[in-house]
Structures are given as C-alpha cells and as structure tokens.
Amino acid sequence: MMERKWSKAVTIALENPEEWMVIDTTQAASWALIEDWPLDEAPALDRALLVFADVIAGKRTPEDARRAFIAAVKEAQIPMKDE
C-alpha cells in the first residue's frame, strides 16, 4: 500500500532551490519529512505523518497522503512546482 504511486507527483526543492526532487509515493514523502524537513514541529507536518500512518495501515488513500504532504510543503515554505 505504501508504494502505490500518487496520481500526480509533487516536485519540491527541499535542500537547494535549484535541486528539484520528485515525490510520488507515501514512502518517499515520509522519508522527506523525517530526514530532510526544515521544520521539527509544525501542525501540518504532524498531521501529514499521522495521515501517512493511516495510509500505510490501509485506512486512508494515497491521495489523502498527497494532500497532507502538499499542506506540509506550503507550511514549511518549500518551493514547489505547480500542484
């Protein structure tokens, strides 16, 4: 379930403004939030991690994870190519 591709990838510049990273699964989004995120504690970040856990457990859809990830990206003011 975790590896199901999202309907549309989310492309962000996480570590460097010129270095675009394509996130298209809940697992990849989870790693980005845990490993490289600029914020440690933030409401959308926390919510995204909870949504990801639900997706992994089969309680929510990958699209829920994608939406939660986009909210966390916006909260952290990370550059993102159009949704």
N, C-alpha and C. Protein backbone atom coordinates (compact mmCIF):
# COMPACT_ATOMS: atom_id res chain seq x y z
N MET A 1 0.83 -1.20 0.00
CA MET A 1 0.00 0.00 0.00
C MET A 1 0.87 1.27 0.00
N MET A 2 1.95 1.23 0.75
CA MET A 2 2.80 2.40 0.90
C MET A 2 3.47 2.80 -0.42
N GLU A 3 3.73 1.84 -1.28
CA GLU A 3 4.46 2.12 -2.50
C GLU A 3 3.57 2.50 -3.68
N ARG A 4 2.25 2.54 -3.47
CA ARG A 4 1.38 2.93 -4.58
C ARG A 4 1.67 4.35 -5.01
N LYS A 5 1.88 4.53 -6.28
CA LYS A 5 2.20 5.87 -6.79
C LYS A 5 0.99 6.79 -6.65
N TRP A 6 1.28 8.05 -6.34
CA TRP A 6 0.23 9.06 -6.28
C TRP A 6 -0.24 9.35 -7.70
N SER A 7 -1.44 9.91 -7.82
CA SER A 7 -1.98 10.23 -9.14
C SER A 7 -1.09 11.25 -9.85
N LYS A 8 -0.48 12.13 -9.06
CA LYS A 8 0.41 13.14 -9.63
C LYS A 8 1.54 13.39 -8.64
N ALA A 9 2.75 13.35 -9.14
CA ALA A 9 3.91 13.59 -8.28
C ALA A 9 3.92 15.03 -7.78
N VAL A 10 4.59 15.24 -6.66
CA VAL A 10 4.80 16.57 -6.11
C VAL A 10 6.29 16.86 -6.25
N THR A 11 6.63 17.94 -6.94
CA THR A 11 8.03 18.27 -7.19
C THR A 11 8.41 19.46 -6.32
N ILE A 12 9.40 19.24 -5.46
CA ILE A 12 9.81 20.27 -4.50
C ILE A 12 11.32 20.48 -4.54
N ALA A 13 11.75 21.63 -4.04
CA ALA A 13 13.18 21.92 -3.89
C ALA A 13 13.45 21.92 -2.39
N LEU A 14 13.80 20.77 -1.87
CA LEU A 14 13.90 20.61 -0.42
C LEU A 14 15.20 21.14 0.16
N GLU A 15 16.32 20.74 -0.42
CA GLU A 15 17.60 21.11 0.18
C GLU A 15 18.26 22.29 -0.51
N ASN A 16 17.89 22.53 -1.76
CA ASN A 16 18.58 23.52 -2.57
C ASN A 16 17.58 24.06 -3.58
N PRO A 17 17.50 25.37 -3.75
CA PRO A 17 16.48 25.94 -4.65
C PRO A 17 16.58 25.44 -6.10
N GLU A 18 17.74 25.00 -6.51
CA GLU A 18 17.92 24.54 -7.90
C GLU A 18 17.85 23.02 -8.03
N GLU A 19 17.64 22.35 -6.93
CA GLU A 19 17.68 20.89 -6.93
C GLU A 19 16.28 20.34 -6.68
N TRP A 20 15.57 20.03 -7.76
CA TRP A 20 14.18 19.56 -7.65
C TRP A 20 14.14 18.08 -7.33
N MET A 21 13.24 17.72 -6.46
CA MET A 21 13.06 16.34 -6.02
C MET A 21 11.60 15.95 -6.29
N VAL A 22 11.42 14.79 -6.90
CA VAL A 22 10.07 14.34 -7.23
C VAL A 22 9.60 13.34 -6.17
N ILE A 23 8.49 13.65 -5.54
CA ILE A 23 7.90 12.79 -4.52
C ILE A 23 6.60 12.23 -5.10
N ASP A 24 6.52 10.90 -5.22
CA ASP A 24 5.31 10.33 -5.83
C ASP A 24 4.76 9.12 -5.09
N THR A 25 5.29 8.86 -3.88
CA THR A 25 4.71 7.80 -3.05
C THR A 25 4.67 8.29 -1.60
N THR A 26 3.84 7.65 -0.82
CA THR A 26 3.75 7.99 0.60
C THR A 26 5.08 7.71 1.29
N GLN A 27 5.76 6.64 0.89
CA GLN A 27 7.05 6.31 1.50
C GLN A 27 8.08 7.40 1.23
N ALA A 28 8.16 7.87 0.00
CA ALA A 28 9.12 8.93 -0.34
C ALA A 28 8.80 10.20 0.44
N ALA A 29 7.51 10.52 0.56
CA ALA A 29 7.09 11.71 1.31
C ALA A 29 7.46 11.57 2.78
N SER A 30 7.25 10.38 3.31
CA SER A 30 7.56 10.10 4.70
C SER A 30 9.06 10.31 4.96
N TRP A 31 9.89 9.76 4.09
CA TRP A 31 11.34 9.94 4.24
C TRP A 31 11.73 11.40 4.19
N ALA A 32 11.13 12.16 3.26
CA ALA A 32 11.44 13.59 3.14
C ALA A 32 11.10 14.32 4.44
N LEU A 33 9.93 14.01 5.01
CA LEU A 33 9.51 14.70 6.24
C LEU A 33 10.41 14.33 7.42
N ILE A 34 10.83 13.09 7.48
CA ILE A 34 11.61 12.63 8.62
C ILE A 34 13.09 13.01 8.50
N GLU A 35 13.64 12.88 7.29
CA GLU A 35 15.08 13.09 7.10
C GLU A 35 15.48 14.54 6.86
N ASP A 36 14.76 15.22 6.00
CA ASP A 36 15.29 16.47 5.46
C ASP A 36 14.44 17.71 5.74
N TRP A 37 13.36 17.58 6.47
CA TRP A 37 12.42 18.69 6.61
C TRP A 37 13.02 19.85 7.39
N PRO A 38 12.79 21.09 6.96
CA PRO A 38 13.37 22.24 7.68
C PRO A 38 12.70 22.54 9.02
N LEU A 39 11.47 22.07 9.22
CA LEU A 39 10.77 22.29 10.49
C LEU A 39 10.80 21.01 11.32
N ASP A 40 10.91 21.16 12.64
CA ASP A 40 10.87 19.98 13.50
C ASP A 40 9.47 19.74 14.05
N GLU A 41 8.81 20.83 14.38
CA GLU A 41 7.46 20.70 14.93
C GLU A 41 6.57 21.72 14.24
N ALA A 42 5.54 21.24 13.61
CA ALA A 42 4.62 22.12 12.91
C ALA A 42 3.32 21.36 12.69
N PRO A 43 2.18 22.03 12.78
CA PRO A 43 0.89 21.34 12.70
C PRO A 43 0.69 20.51 11.42
N ALA A 44 0.99 21.08 10.25
CA ALA A 44 0.75 20.33 9.01
C ALA A 44 1.74 19.17 8.88
N LEU A 45 2.94 19.36 9.38
CA LEU A 45 3.94 18.28 9.40
C LEU A 45 3.43 17.12 10.25
N ASP A 46 2.99 17.44 11.45
CA ASP A 46 2.48 16.40 12.36
C ASP A 46 1.27 15.69 11.76
N ARG A 47 0.38 16.47 11.15
CA ARG A 47 -0.83 15.90 10.54
C ARG A 47 -0.45 14.98 9.39
N ALA A 48 0.51 15.41 8.57
CA ALA A 48 0.94 14.59 7.43
C ALA A 48 1.47 13.24 7.92
N LEU A 49 2.27 13.26 8.96
CA LEU A 49 2.82 11.99 9.47
C LEU A 49 1.71 11.06 9.96
N LEU A 50 0.68 11.63 10.58
CA LEU A 50 -0.46 10.81 11.03
C LEU A 50 -1.22 10.25 9.83
N VAL A 51 -1.43 11.08 8.81
CA VAL A 51 -2.13 10.63 7.60
C VAL A 51 -1.32 9.51 6.94
N PHE A 52 0.00 9.68 6.86
CA PHE A 52 0.85 8.65 6.23
C PHE A 52 0.69 7.33 6.97
N ALA A 53 0.65 7.38 8.31
CA ALA A 53 0.48 6.16 9.09
C ALA A 53 -0.85 5.50 8.76
N ASP A 54 -1.90 6.30 8.58
CA ASP A 54 -3.21 5.76 8.22
C ASP A 54 -3.19 5.14 6.82
N VAL A 55 -2.48 5.78 5.89
CA VAL A 55 -2.37 5.24 4.52
C VAL A 55 -1.66 3.90 4.56
N ILE A 56 -0.58 3.84 5.32
CA ILE A 56 0.19 2.59 5.44
C ILE A 56 -0.67 1.48 6.04
N ALA A 57 -1.54 1.87 6.97
CA ALA A 57 -2.43 0.90 7.62
C ALA A 57 -3.65 0.56 6.76
N GLY A 58 -3.78 1.24 5.62
CA GLY A 58 -4.90 0.97 4.73
C GLY A 58 -6.19 1.68 5.12
N LYS A 59 -6.09 2.65 6.02
CA LYS A 59 -7.29 3.36 6.49
C LYS A 59 -7.61 4.59 5.65
N ARG A 60 -6.63 5.08 4.89
CA ARG A 60 -6.83 6.26 4.05
C ARG A 60 -6.18 6.02 2.70
N THR A 61 -6.45 6.92 1.76
CA THR A 61 -5.96 6.72 0.40
C THR A 61 -4.63 7.44 0.18
N PRO A 62 -3.87 7.00 -0.83
CA PRO A 62 -2.64 7.72 -1.18
C PRO A 62 -2.91 9.19 -1.50
N GLU A 63 -4.09 9.49 -2.03
CA GLU A 63 -4.40 10.89 -2.33
C GLU A 63 -4.51 11.72 -1.06
N ASP A 64 -4.98 11.12 0.02
CA ASP A 64 -5.00 11.82 1.31
C ASP A 64 -3.57 12.17 1.72
N ALA A 65 -2.67 11.24 1.50
CA ALA A 65 -1.26 11.47 1.84
C ALA A 65 -0.69 12.59 0.99
N ARG A 66 -1.03 12.60 -0.29
CA ARG A 66 -0.53 13.63 -1.20
C ARG A 66 -1.01 15.02 -0.75
N ARG A 67 -2.29 15.13 -0.42
CA ARG A 67 -2.84 16.41 0.03
C ARG A 67 -2.17 16.86 1.33
N ALA A 68 -1.97 15.94 2.25
CA ALA A 68 -1.34 16.28 3.54
C ALA A 68 0.11 16.71 3.32
N PHE A 69 0.78 16.06 2.38
CA PHE A 69 2.17 16.41 2.07
C PHE A 69 2.24 17.82 1.50
N ILE A 70 1.34 18.15 0.57
CA ILE A 70 1.32 19.49 -0.03
C ILE A 70 1.08 20.55 1.06
N ALA A 71 0.21 20.26 2.00
CA ALA A 71 -0.04 21.20 3.10
C ALA A 71 1.23 21.41 3.92
N ALA A 72 1.97 20.34 4.16
CA ALA A 72 3.22 20.45 4.93
C ALA A 72 4.28 21.23 4.15
N VAL A 73 4.32 21.02 2.83
CA VAL A 73 5.26 21.75 1.97
C VAL A 73 4.97 23.25 2.05
N LYS A 74 3.69 23.60 1.94
CA LYS A 74 3.31 25.02 1.99
C LYS A 74 3.62 25.61 3.36
N GLU A 75 3.35 24.86 4.41
CA GLU A 75 3.62 25.33 5.77
C GLU A 75 5.10 25.64 5.94
N ALA A 76 5.96 24.79 5.39
CA ALA A 76 7.41 24.96 5.54
C ALA A 76 7.98 25.94 4.51
N GLN A 77 7.11 26.44 3.63
CA GLN A 77 7.51 27.39 2.58
C GLN A 77 8.62 26.83 1.69
N ILE A 78 8.48 25.56 1.37
CA ILE A 78 9.43 24.90 0.46
C ILE A 78 8.97 25.15 -0.96
N PRO A 79 9.89 25.55 -1.85
CA PRO A 79 9.49 25.76 -3.25
C PRO A 79 8.88 24.50 -3.84
N MET A 80 7.76 24.69 -4.55
CA MET A 80 7.06 23.55 -5.15
C MET A 80 6.62 23.92 -6.56
N LYS A 81 6.79 23.00 -7.49
CA LYS A 81 6.26 23.24 -8.83
C LYS A 81 4.76 23.04 -8.77
N ASP A 82 4.05 23.56 -9.75
CA ASP A 82 2.59 23.57 -9.65
C ASP A 82 1.97 22.23 -9.31
N GLU A 83 0.95 22.33 -8.45
CA GLU A 83 0.25 21.14 -7.94
C GLU A 83 -0.43 20.43 -9.09
